[in-house]
């Protein structure tokens, strides 16, 4: 005896089809309105430990952690697309531009300023003035906490003078970099602490992933753990130059990286990276690369294999 009649089966199939259609429309709506916090297709597949069927990696992804001492600057390259996250300390702009020129970069499709501290945006005005920028993404502090430093104002002036489109970083926003995808994870909530409005991003390419933490501290890590968004990464750029204000054990366990990159300057006055963070990473078996020891750190992947080279 059949469990359902033909008419009932048709109704069930029709209802399931409508439900699937609504689900697909909701996911697509989430991409158009990132503030809704709806996960992307890639995030859904990543949560299920599956590769997205919609993106087939082509060529090679390169992630270059530029040695700018106790500061941050990261170049991402995939095919003809180039993105830059941060631009070092004031006075590092020329060095960042020289590195870009040496890599044959003629244009930046995307630039992200993680937060308004000088060791992340100090060289940004020089970069904006020195190379074409298609899109600029940044986080904003509460209105009464908006920075008034010369470094920050110089960056804004350069953006205005060059008529660069500026977007506020929103969790869930996805930027296509060739066949790689960069997803914004934070800032999630407002903060009067600049480190905690850091733009945290996760880069995926085939089976490989990278997590860029800016200077986000443990409060942000706790928020990220509650979002349900994928946090696992083969490579993590640790938060706040390896400071013990970041890289909590709970968070590192969730990310479960194979490699950690620490942008720090030799003999810096902050003592970065702190021993507590190095101990945590060491106990997890994570291979650590440090700017003060290794200089420029370049990671390359075809979506499966991953290689790291350094240049002091």
C-alpha atoms as a PDB file:
ATOM      1  CA  UNK A   1       0.000   0.000   0.000  1.00  0.00           C
ATOM      2  CA  UNK A   2       1.398   3.411  -0.989  1.00  0.00           C
ATOM      3  CA  UNK A   3       2.182   5.754   1.886  1.00  0.00           C
ATOM      4  CA  UNK A   4       0.854   8.802   0.021  1.00  0.00           C
ATOM      5  CA  UNK A   5      -1.635   9.188  -2.792  1.00  0.00           C
ATOM      6  CA  UNK A   6      -0.483  10.706  -6.088  1.00  0.00           C
ATOM      7  CA  UNK A   7      -2.345  13.925  -5.272  1.00  0.00           C
ATOM      8  CA  UNK A   8      -0.672  14.157  -1.843  1.00  0.00           C
ATOM      9  CA  UNK A   9       2.760  13.487  -3.382  1.00  0.00           C
ATOM     10  CA  UNK A  10       2.220  16.322  -5.848  1.00  0.00           C
ATOM     11  CA  UNK A  11       1.263  18.667  -3.007  1.00  0.00           C
ATOM     12  CA  UNK A  12       4.379  17.681  -1.028  1.00  0.00           C
ATOM     13  CA  UNK A  13       6.656  18.154  -4.046  1.00  0.00           C
ATOM     14  CA  UNK A  14       5.026  21.520  -4.769  1.00  0.00           C
ATOM     15  CA  UNK A  15       5.450  22.669  -1.145  1.00  0.00           C
ATOM     16  CA  UNK A  16       9.102  21.572  -1.053  1.00  0.00           C
ATOM     17  CA  UNK A  17       9.777  23.369  -4.342  1.00  0.00           C
ATOM     18  CA  UNK A  18       8.263  26.586  -3.001  1.00  0.00           C
ATOM     19  CA  UNK A  19      10.270  26.253   0.225  1.00  0.00           C
ATOM     20  CA  UNK A  20      13.516  25.755  -1.723  1.00  0.00           C
ATOM     21  CA  UNK A  21      12.704  28.755  -3.924  1.00  0.00           C
ATOM     22  CA  UNK A  22      12.023  30.946  -0.867  1.00  0.00           C
ATOM     23  CA  UNK A  23      15.247  29.732   0.760  1.00  0.00           C
ATOM     24  CA  UNK A  24      17.267  30.613  -2.353  1.00  0.00           C
ATOM     25  CA  UNK A  25      15.654  34.053  -2.552  1.00  0.00           C
ATOM     26  CA  UNK A  26      16.466  34.708   1.116  1.00  0.00           C
ATOM     27  CA  UNK A  27      20.150  33.822   0.545  1.00  0.00           C
ATOM     28  CA  UNK A  28      20.319  36.099  -2.488  1.00  0.00           C
ATOM     29  CA  UNK A  29      18.628  38.900  -0.527  1.00  0.00           C
ATOM     30  CA  UNK A  30      21.326  38.526   2.102  1.00  0.00           C
ATOM     31  CA  UNK A  31      24.007  39.265  -0.493  1.00  0.00           C
ATOM     32  CA  UNK A  32      22.184  42.439  -1.559  1.00  0.00           C
ATOM     33  CA  UNK A  33      21.621  43.592   2.041  1.00  0.00           C
ATOM     34  CA  UNK A  34      24.641  42.434   4.102  1.00  0.00           C
ATOM     35  CA  UNK A  35      23.307  44.078   7.284  1.00  0.00           C
ATOM     36  CA  UNK A  36      20.657  41.340   7.513  1.00  0.00           C
ATOM     37  CA  UNK A  37      23.404  38.924   8.562  1.00  0.00           C
ATOM     38  CA  UNK A  38      22.176  36.137   6.236  1.00  0.00           C
ATOM     39  CA  UNK A  39      25.050  33.744   5.351  1.00  0.00           C
ATOM     40  CA  UNK A  40      26.262  33.479   1.760  1.00  0.00           C
ATOM     41  CA  UNK A  41      26.251  30.261  -0.268  1.00  0.00           C
ATOM     42  CA  UNK A  42      29.982  29.873   0.368  1.00  0.00           C
ATOM     43  CA  UNK A  43      29.466  30.263   4.110  1.00  0.00           C
ATOM     44  CA  UNK A  44      26.677  27.663   4.089  1.00  0.00           C
ATOM     45  CA  UNK A  45      28.868  25.191   2.221  1.00  0.00           C
ATOM     46  CA  UNK A  46      31.820  25.985   4.480  1.00  0.00           C
ATOM     47  CA  UNK A  47      29.705  25.320   7.576  1.00  0.00           C
ATOM     48  CA  UNK A  48      28.865  21.930   6.104  1.00  0.00           C
ATOM     49  CA  UNK A  49      32.548  21.329   5.256  1.00  0.00           C
ATOM     50  CA  UNK A  50      31.722  21.332   1.572  1.00  0.00           C
ATOM     51  CA  UNK A  51      33.260  23.311  -1.259  1.00  0.00           C
ATOM     52  CA  UNK A  52      30.958  25.726  -3.035  1.00  0.00           C
ATOM     53  CA  UNK A  53      29.923  24.384  -6.447  1.00  0.00           C
ATOM     54  CA  UNK A  54      29.620  27.938  -7.812  1.00  0.00           C
ATOM     55  CA  UNK A  55      33.301  28.865  -7.634  1.00  0.00           C
ATOM     56  CA  UNK A  56      36.031  26.840  -9.319  1.00  0.00           C
ATOM     57  CA  UNK A  57      39.489  28.218  -8.489  1.00  0.00           C
ATOM     58  CA  UNK A  58      41.557  29.239 -11.462  1.00  0.00           C
ATOM     59  CA  UNK A  59      45.260  29.971 -11.363  1.00  0.00           C
ATOM     60  CA  UNK A  60      46.932  30.851  -8.085  1.00  0.00           C
ATOM     61  CA  UNK A  61      46.134  32.961  -5.055  1.00  0.00           C
ATOM     62  CA  UNK A  62      48.972  34.919  -3.491  1.00  0.00           C
ATOM     63  CA  UNK A  63      48.823  36.534  -0.064  1.00  0.00           C
ATOM     64  CA  UNK A  64      51.855  38.671   0.742  1.00  0.00           C
ATOM     65  CA  UNK A  65      52.432  39.960   4.270  1.00  0.00           C
ATOM     66  CA  UNK A  66      54.612  42.985   3.637  1.00  0.00           C
ATOM     67  CA  UNK A  67      57.332  43.628   6.208  1.00  0.00           C
ATOM     68  CA  UNK A  68      56.500  47.052   7.633  1.00  0.00           C
ATOM     69  CA  UNK A  69      57.884  46.418  11.096  1.00  0.00           C
ATOM     70  CA  UNK A  70      55.404  46.558  13.958  1.00  0.00           C
ATOM     71  CA  UNK A  71      52.604  47.477  11.558  1.00  0.00           C
ATOM     72  CA  UNK A  72      50.280  45.760   9.063  1.00  0.00           C
ATOM     73  CA  UNK A  73      50.108  45.643   5.291  1.00  0.00           C
ATOM     74  CA  UNK A  74      48.813  42.680   3.280  1.00  0.00           C
ATOM     75  CA  UNK A  75      48.665  42.311  -0.509  1.00  0.00           C
ATOM     76  CA  UNK A  76      46.212  39.799  -2.006  1.00  0.00           C
ATOM     77  CA  UNK A  77      46.526  38.805  -5.665  1.00  0.00           C
ATOM     78  CA  UNK A  78      44.364  36.497  -7.743  1.00  0.00           C
ATOM     79  CA  UNK A  79      44.587  36.617 -11.500  1.00  0.00           C
ATOM     80  CA  UNK A  80      44.449  40.271 -12.520  1.00  0.00           C
ATOM     81  CA  UNK A  81      42.794  41.369  -9.275  1.00  0.00           C
ATOM     82  CA  UNK A  82      44.734  43.037  -6.467  1.00  0.00           C
ATOM     83  CA  UNK A  83      43.619  43.980  -2.954  1.00  0.00           C
ATOM     84  CA  UNK A  84      45.462  45.654  -0.093  1.00  0.00           C
ATOM     85  CA  UNK A  85      44.648  45.445   3.609  1.00  0.00           C
ATOM     86  CA  UNK A  86      46.279  48.296   5.553  1.00  0.00           C
ATOM     87  CA  UNK A  87      49.376  50.277   4.573  1.00  0.00           C
ATOM     88  CA  UNK A  88      51.753  50.320   7.517  1.00  0.00           C
ATOM     89  CA  UNK A  89      52.957  53.153   9.718  1.00  0.00           C
ATOM     90  CA  UNK A  90      53.409  56.778   8.702  1.00  0.00           C
ATOM     91  CA  UNK A  91      56.500  56.784   6.502  1.00  0.00           C
ATOM     92  CA  UNK A  92      55.823  53.226   5.222  1.00  0.00           C
ATOM     93  CA  UNK A  93      53.754  54.382   2.247  1.00  0.00           C
ATOM     94  CA  UNK A  94      56.731  54.588  -0.102  1.00  0.00           C
ATOM     95  CA  UNK A  95      57.894  51.116   0.963  1.00  0.00           C
ATOM     96  CA  UNK A  96      54.438  49.657   0.346  1.00  0.00           C
ATOM     97  CA  UNK A  97      54.275  51.326  -3.075  1.00  0.00           C
ATOM     98  CA  UNK A  98      57.749  50.015  -3.894  1.00  0.00           C
ATOM     99  CA  UNK A  99      56.645  46.495  -2.973  1.00  0.00           C
ATOM    100  CA  UNK A 100      53.527  46.818  -5.137  1.00  0.00           C
ATOM    101  CA  UNK A 101      55.613  48.091  -8.027  1.00  0.00           C
ATOM    102  CA  UNK A 102      58.074  45.222  -7.616  1.00  0.00           C
ATOM    103  CA  UNK A 103      55.142  42.796  -7.822  1.00  0.00           C
ATOM    104  CA  UNK A 104      53.896  44.441 -10.999  1.00  0.00           C
ATOM    105  CA  UNK A 105      50.745  45.830  -9.377  1.00  0.00           C
ATOM    106  CA  UNK A 106      49.430  48.770 -11.415  1.00  0.00           C
ATOM    107  CA  UNK A 107      46.004  49.147  -9.768  1.00  0.00           C
ATOM    108  CA  UNK A 108      44.286  48.157  -6.540  1.00  0.00           C
ATOM    109  CA  UNK A 109      40.762  46.840  -7.059  1.00  0.00           C
ATOM    110  CA  UNK A 110      40.046  46.891  -3.329  1.00  0.00           C
ATOM    111  CA  UNK A 111      41.708  48.553  -0.343  1.00  0.00           C
ATOM    112  CA  UNK A 112      40.684  47.936   3.263  1.00  0.00           C
ATOM    113  CA  UNK A 113      41.671  50.095   6.218  1.00  0.00           C
ATOM    114  CA  UNK A 114      41.033  47.841   9.197  1.00  0.00           C
ATOM    115  CA  UNK A 115      40.925  50.642  11.795  1.00  0.00           C
ATOM    116  CA  UNK A 116      42.255  54.179  12.284  1.00  0.00           C
ATOM    117  CA  UNK A 117      45.460  53.478  14.225  1.00  0.00           C
ATOM    118  CA  UNK A 118      48.588  54.911  12.594  1.00  0.00           C
ATOM    119  CA  UNK A 119      50.344  51.532  12.316  1.00  0.00           C
ATOM    120  CA  UNK A 120      47.596  50.416   9.934  1.00  0.00           C
ATOM    121  CA  UNK A 121      46.683  53.566   7.997  1.00  0.00           C
ATOM    122  CA  UNK A 122      49.885  55.595   8.366  1.00  0.00           C
ATOM    123  CA  UNK A 123      50.958  54.983   4.779  1.00  0.00           C
ATOM    124  CA  UNK A 124      47.460  54.925   3.312  1.00  0.00           C
ATOM    125  CA  UNK A 125      47.421  58.488   1.941  1.00  0.00           C
ATOM    126  CA  UNK A 126      50.665  57.792   0.041  1.00  0.00           C
ATOM    127  CA  UNK A 127      49.189  54.591  -1.399  1.00  0.00           C
ATOM    128  CA  UNK A 128      45.943  56.303  -2.461  1.00  0.00           C
ATOM    129  CA  UNK A 129      47.887  59.137  -4.080  1.00  0.00           C
ATOM    130  CA  UNK A 130      50.417  56.784  -5.671  1.00  0.00           C
ATOM    131  CA  UNK A 131      48.297  54.096  -7.340  1.00  0.00           C
ATOM    132  CA  UNK A 132      44.714  53.925  -8.706  1.00  0.00           C
ATOM    133  CA  UNK A 133      42.183  52.518  -6.212  1.00  0.00           C
ATOM    134  CA  UNK A 134      38.777  51.257  -7.382  1.00  0.00           C
ATOM    135  CA  UNK A 135      37.080  50.738  -4.020  1.00  0.00           C
ATOM    136  CA  UNK A 136      37.902  51.554  -0.409  1.00  0.00           C
ATOM    137  CA  UNK A 137      36.369  49.801   2.610  1.00  0.00           C
ATOM    138  CA  UNK A 138      36.789  50.959   6.195  1.00  0.00           C
ATOM    139  CA  UNK A 139      35.162  50.832   9.609  1.00  0.00           C
ATOM    140  CA  UNK A 140      33.790  53.863  11.418  1.00  0.00           C
ATOM    141  CA  UNK A 141      33.893  54.713  15.104  1.00  0.00           C
ATOM    142  CA  UNK A 142      30.925  56.290  16.913  1.00  0.00           C
ATOM    143  CA  UNK A 143      30.466  59.914  15.825  1.00  0.00           C
ATOM    144  CA  UNK A 144      31.743  61.371  19.091  1.00  0.00           C
ATOM    145  CA  UNK A 145      34.856  59.177  18.882  1.00  0.00           C
ATOM    146  CA  UNK A 146      35.787  59.914  15.265  1.00  0.00           C
ATOM    147  CA  UNK A 147      39.578  60.317  15.018  1.00  0.00           C
ATOM    148  CA  UNK A 148      41.033  63.749  14.332  1.00  0.00           C
ATOM    149  CA  UNK A 149      44.663  62.711  13.896  1.00  0.00           C
ATOM    150  CA  UNK A 150      46.602  64.116  10.952  1.00  0.00           C
ATOM    151  CA  UNK A 151      47.120  60.566   9.667  1.00  0.00           C
ATOM    152  CA  UNK A 152      43.394  59.843   9.573  1.00  0.00           C
ATOM    153  CA  UNK A 153      42.502  63.220   8.065  1.00  0.00           C
ATOM    154  CA  UNK A 154      45.226  62.849   5.416  1.00  0.00           C
ATOM    155  CA  UNK A 155      43.739  59.510   4.398  1.00  0.00           C
ATOM    156  CA  UNK A 156      40.255  61.002   4.080  1.00  0.00           C
ATOM    157  CA  UNK A 157      41.602  63.943   2.103  1.00  0.00           C
ATOM    158  CA  UNK A 158      43.421  61.625  -0.304  1.00  0.00           C
ATOM    159  CA  UNK A 159      40.255  59.574  -0.809  1.00  0.00           C
ATOM    160  CA  UNK A 160      38.300  62.744  -1.542  1.00  0.00           C
ATOM    161  CA  UNK A 161      40.921  64.186  -3.882  1.00  0.00           C
ATOM    162  CA  UNK A 162      41.094  60.963  -5.888  1.00  0.00           C
ATOM    163  CA  UNK A 163      37.290  60.481  -5.823  1.00  0.00           C
ATOM    164  CA  UNK A 164      37.663  56.927  -4.501  1.00  0.00           C
ATOM    165  CA  UNK A 165      34.313  55.267  -3.629  1.00  0.00           C
ATOM    166  CA  UNK A 166      34.204  54.475   0.102  1.00  0.00           C
ATOM    167  CA  UNK A 167      32.092  51.754   1.727  1.00  0.00           C
ATOM    168  CA  UNK A 168      31.565  51.033   5.401  1.00  0.00           C
ATOM    169  CA  UNK A 169      32.590  47.508   6.377  1.00  0.00           C
ATOM    170  CA  UNK A 170      29.506  45.398   7.050  1.00  0.00           C
ATOM    171  CA  UNK A 171      29.490  41.801   8.368  1.00  0.00           C
ATOM    172  CA  UNK A 172      28.445  39.414   5.628  1.00  0.00           C
ATOM    173  CA  UNK A 173      29.627  41.613   2.762  1.00  0.00           C
ATOM    174  CA  UNK A 174      31.456  39.522   0.169  1.00  0.00           C
ATOM    175  CA  UNK A 175      34.053  40.864  -2.267  1.00  0.00           C
ATOM    176  CA  UNK A 176      35.084  38.763  -5.265  1.00  0.00           C
ATOM    177  CA  UNK A 177      38.816  38.843  -5.910  1.00  0.00           C
ATOM    178  CA  UNK A 178      39.073  36.918  -9.148  1.00  0.00           C
ATOM    179  CA  UNK A 179      37.916  33.427  -8.171  1.00  0.00           C
ATOM    180  CA  UNK A 180      38.725  34.053  -4.504  1.00  0.00           C
ATOM    181  CA  UNK A 181      36.186  35.508  -2.100  1.00  0.00           C
ATOM    182  CA  UNK A 182      36.787  37.858   0.805  1.00  0.00           C
ATOM    183  CA  UNK A 183      34.031  37.957   3.427  1.00  0.00           C
ATOM    184  CA  UNK A 184      33.743  40.639   6.099  1.00  0.00           C
ATOM    185  CA  UNK A 185      33.160  39.123   9.555  1.00  0.00           C
ATOM    186  CA  UNK A 186      33.561  42.181  11.794  1.00  0.00           C
ATOM    187  CA  UNK A 187      33.122  44.799  13.185  1.00  0.00           C
ATOM    188  CA  UNK A 188      29.872  43.410  14.556  1.00  0.00           C
ATOM    189  CA  UNK A 189      29.035  46.137  17.056  1.00  0.00           C
ATOM    190  CA  UNK A 190      30.109  49.700  17.781  1.00  0.00           C
ATOM    191  CA  UNK A 191      33.044  50.340  20.098  1.00  0.00           C
ATOM    192  CA  UNK A 192      34.930  53.362  21.348  1.00  0.00           C
ATOM    193  CA  UNK A 193      38.085  51.224  21.250  1.00  0.00           C
ATOM    194  CA  UNK A 194      39.682  51.482  17.788  1.00  0.00           C
ATOM    195  CA  UNK A 195      41.159  47.969  17.890  1.00  0.00           C
ATOM    196  CA  UNK A 196      37.691  46.511  18.357  1.00  0.00           C
ATOM    197  CA  UNK A 197      36.247  48.075  15.230  1.00  0.00           C
ATOM    198  CA  UNK A 198      38.904  46.283  13.181  1.00  0.00           C
ATOM    199  CA  UNK A 199      37.674  44.950   9.859  1.00  0.00           C
ATOM    200  CA  UNK A 200      38.079  41.188  10.251  1.00  0.00           C
ATOM    201  CA  UNK A 201      37.933  39.247   6.990  1.00  0.00           C
ATOM    202  CA  UNK A 202      38.093  35.636   5.811  1.00  0.00           C
ATOM    203  CA  UNK A 203      39.520  34.802   2.391  1.00  0.00           C
ATOM    204  CA  UNK A 204      38.610  31.545   0.643  1.00  0.00           C
ATOM    205  CA  UNK A 205      40.087  29.978  -2.480  1.00  0.00           C
ATOM    206  CA  UNK A 206      39.182  26.399  -3.260  1.00  0.00           C
ATOM    207  CA  UNK A 207      39.914  24.306  -0.186  1.00  0.00           C
ATOM    208  CA  UNK A 208      42.157  26.927   1.409  1.00  0.00           C
ATOM    209  CA  UNK A 209      41.235  29.813   3.693  1.00  0.00           C
ATOM    210  CA  UNK A 210      42.856  32.769   5.441  1.00  0.00           C
ATOM    211  CA  UNK A 211      41.714  34.826   8.428  1.00  0.00           C
ATOM    212  CA  UNK A 212      42.862  38.446   8.795  1.00  0.00           C
ATOM    213  CA  UNK A 213      42.228  39.749  12.304  1.00  0.00           C
ATOM    214  CA  UNK A 214      43.464  43.351  12.148  1.00  0.00           C
ATOM    215  CA  UNK A 215      43.980  44.372  15.791  1.00  0.00           C
ATOM    216  CA  UNK A 216      40.743  42.773  17.010  1.00  0.00           C
ATOM    217  CA  UNK A 217      40.939  41.805  20.671  1.00  0.00           C
ATOM    218  CA  UNK A 218      39.290  39.081  22.752  1.00  0.00           C
ATOM    219  CA  UNK A 219      35.943  40.919  23.010  1.00  0.00           C
ATOM    220  CA  UNK A 220      35.624  40.729  19.231  1.00  0.00           C
ATOM    221  CA  UNK A 221      36.753  37.111  19.222  1.00  0.00           C
ATOM    222  CA  UNK A 222      33.912  36.285  21.636  1.00  0.00           C
ATOM    223  CA  UNK A 223      31.434  38.039  19.335  1.00  0.00           C
ATOM    224  CA  UNK A 224      32.728  36.161  16.310  1.00  0.00           C
ATOM    225  CA  UNK A 225      32.277  32.838  18.093  1.00  0.00           C
ATOM    226  CA  UNK A 226      28.548  33.573  18.511  1.00  0.00           C
ATOM    227  CA  UNK A 227      27.817  34.434  14.869  1.00  0.00           C
ATOM    228  CA  UNK A 228      27.865  30.930  13.441  1.00  0.00           C
ATOM    229  CA  UNK A 229      29.918  32.143  10.508  1.00  0.00           C
ATOM    230  CA  UNK A 230      32.884  29.999   9.376  1.00  0.00           C
ATOM    231  CA  UNK A 231      36.091  30.883  11.229  1.00  0.00           C
ATOM    232  CA  UNK A 232      38.356  27.978  10.309  1.00  0.00           C
ATOM    233  CA  UNK A 233      41.499  28.965   8.428  1.00  0.00           C
ATOM    234  CA  UNK A 234      44.691  27.375   7.194  1.00  0.00           C
ATOM    235  CA  UNK A 235      46.483  30.672   7.804  1.00  0.00           C
ATOM    236  CA  UNK A 236      45.669  33.283  10.441  1.00  0.00           C
ATOM    237  CA  UNK A 237      47.115  36.778  10.619  1.00  0.00           C
ATOM    238  CA  UNK A 238      46.962  36.969  14.392  1.00  0.00           C
ATOM    239  CA  UNK A 239      45.283  39.921  16.047  1.00  0.00           C
ATOM    240  CA  UNK A 240      47.172  42.930  17.404  1.00  0.00           C
ATOM    241  CA  UNK A 241      50.691  41.841  16.376  1.00  0.00           C
ATOM    242  CA  UNK A 242      50.650  38.824  18.674  1.00  0.00           C
ATOM    243  CA  UNK A 243      49.577  40.770  21.750  1.00  0.00           C
ATOM    244  CA  UNK A 244      48.061  38.857  24.671  1.00  0.00           C
ATOM    245  CA  UNK A 245      44.971  41.063  24.293  1.00  0.00           C
ATOM    246  CA  UNK A 246      44.055  38.811  21.357  1.00  0.00           C
ATOM    247  CA  UNK A 247      44.360  35.178  20.222  1.00  0.00           C
ATOM    248  CA  UNK A 248      42.489  33.563  23.114  1.00  0.00           C
ATOM    249  CA  UNK A 249      42.752  29.795  23.368  1.00  0.00           C
ATOM    250  CA  UNK A 250      39.029  29.321  22.714  1.00  0.00           C
ATOM    251  CA  UNK A 251      39.215  31.381  19.543  1.00  0.00           C
ATOM    252  CA  UNK A 252      42.397  29.760  18.236  1.00  0.00           C
ATOM    253  CA  UNK A 253      40.874  26.326  18.841  1.00  0.00           C
ATOM    254  CA  UNK A 254      37.886  27.289  16.693  1.00  0.00           C
ATOM    255  CA  UNK A 255      40.064  28.657  13.890  1.00  0.00           C
ATOM    256  CA  UNK A 256      42.422  25.647  14.085  1.00  0.00           C
ATOM    257  CA  UNK A 257      45.143  27.144  11.844  1.00  0.00           C
ATOM    258  CA  UNK A 258      48.193  25.379  10.428  1.00  0.00           C
ATOM    259  CA  UNK A 259      50.141  28.627  10.087  1.00  0.00           C
ATOM    260  CA  UNK A 260      50.145  31.919  11.983  1.00  0.00           C
ATOM    261  CA  UNK A 261      51.566  35.183  10.670  1.00  0.00           C
ATOM    262  CA  UNK A 262      52.757  37.744  13.218  1.00  0.00           C
ATOM    263  CA  UNK A 263      53.488  41.259  11.885  1.00  0.00           C
ATOM    264  CA  UNK A 264      55.931  42.615  14.446  1.00  0.00           C
ATOM    265  CA  UNK A 265      59.026  44.802  14.483  1.00  0.00           C
ATOM    266  CA  UNK A 266      62.396  43.729  15.842  1.00  0.00           C
ATOM    267  CA  UNK A 267      62.903  44.954  19.404  1.00  0.00           C
ATOM    268  CA  UNK A 268      59.528  46.763  19.450  1.00  0.00           C
ATOM    269  CA  UNK A 269      58.662  48.539  22.689  1.00  0.00           C
ATOM    270  CA  UNK A 270      55.425  46.558  23.126  1.00  0.00           C
ATOM    271  CA  UNK A 271      57.156  43.208  23.440  1.00  0.00           C
ATOM    272  CA  UNK A 272      55.162  41.792  20.523  1.00  0.00           C
ATOM    273  CA  UNK A 273      54.581  38.942  20.083  1.00  0.00           C
ATOM    274  CA  UNK A 274      53.795  38.085  23.692  1.00  0.00           C
ATOM    275  CA  UNK A 275      54.995  34.768  25.070  1.00  0.00           C
ATOM    276  CA  UNK A 276      51.476  33.657  26.057  1.00  0.00           C
ATOM    277  CA  UNK A 277      50.325  33.763  22.433  1.00  0.00           C
ATOM    278  CA  UNK A 278      53.411  31.970  21.139  1.00  0.00           C
ATOM    279  CA  UNK A 279      52.945  29.287  23.793  1.00  0.00           C
ATOM    280  CA  UNK A 280      49.306  28.726  22.766  1.00  0.00           C
ATOM    281  CA  UNK A 281      50.257  28.455  19.113  1.00  0.00           C
ATOM    282  CA  UNK A 282      53.173  26.170  19.905  1.00  0.00           C
ATOM    283  CA  UNK A 283      51.041  23.764  21.930  1.00  0.00           C
ATOM    284  CA  UNK A 284      48.606  23.573  19.005  1.00  0.00           C
ATOM    285  CA  UNK A 285      51.400  22.682  16.605  1.00  0.00           C
ATOM    286  CA  UNK A 286      50.925  25.872  14.574  1.00  0.00           C
ATOM    287  CA  UNK A 287      53.909  26.998  12.504  1.00  0.00           C
ATOM    288  CA  UNK A 288      54.618  30.667  13.236  1.00  0.00           C
ATOM    289  CA  UNK A 289      56.104  33.179  10.800  1.00  0.00           C
ATOM    290  CA  UNK A 290      57.208  36.563  12.162  1.00  0.00           C
ATOM    291  CA  UNK A 291      58.048  39.731  10.259  1.00  0.00           C
ATOM    292  CA  UNK A 292      60.924  40.518  12.635  1.00  0.00           C
ATOM    293  CA  UNK A 293      62.498  37.137  11.854  1.00  0.00           C
ATOM    294  CA  UNK A 294      61.357  36.325   8.315  1.00  0.00           C
ATOM    295  CA  UNK A 295      60.737  39.730   6.696  1.00  0.00           C
ATOM    296  CA  UNK A 296      58.235  39.608   3.808  1.00  0.00           C
ATOM    297  CA  UNK A 297      56.080  36.464   4.032  1.00  0.00           C
ATOM    298  CA  UNK A 298      54.374  35.237   0.860  1.00  0.00           C
ATOM    299  CA  UNK A 299      51.762  32.479   0.847  1.00  0.00           C
ATOM    300  CA  UNK A 300      50.709  30.906  -2.456  1.00  0.00           C
ATOM    301  CA  UNK A 301      48.019  28.318  -3.141  1.00  0.00           C
ATOM    302  CA  UNK A 302      46.300  26.704  -6.111  1.00  0.00           C
ATOM    303  CA  UNK A 303      43.278  26.002  -3.939  1.00  0.00           C
ATOM    304  CA  UNK A 304      44.712  22.738  -2.632  1.00  0.00           C
ATOM    305  CA  UNK A 305      48.462  22.930  -2.108  1.00  0.00           C
ATOM    306  CA  UNK A 306      49.918  25.755  -0.063  1.00  0.00           C
ATOM    307  CA  UNK A 307      53.502  27.050  -0.024  1.00  0.00           C
ATOM    308  CA  UNK A 308      55.180  29.766   2.047  1.00  0.00           C
ATOM    309  CA  UNK A 309      58.291  31.714   1.142  1.00  0.00           C
ATOM    310  CA  UNK A 310      60.082  34.470   3.026  1.00  0.00           C
ATOM    311  CA  UNK A 311      62.413  37.317   2.139  1.00  0.00           C
ATOM    312  CA  UNK A 312      64.326  39.178   4.825  1.00  0.00           C
END
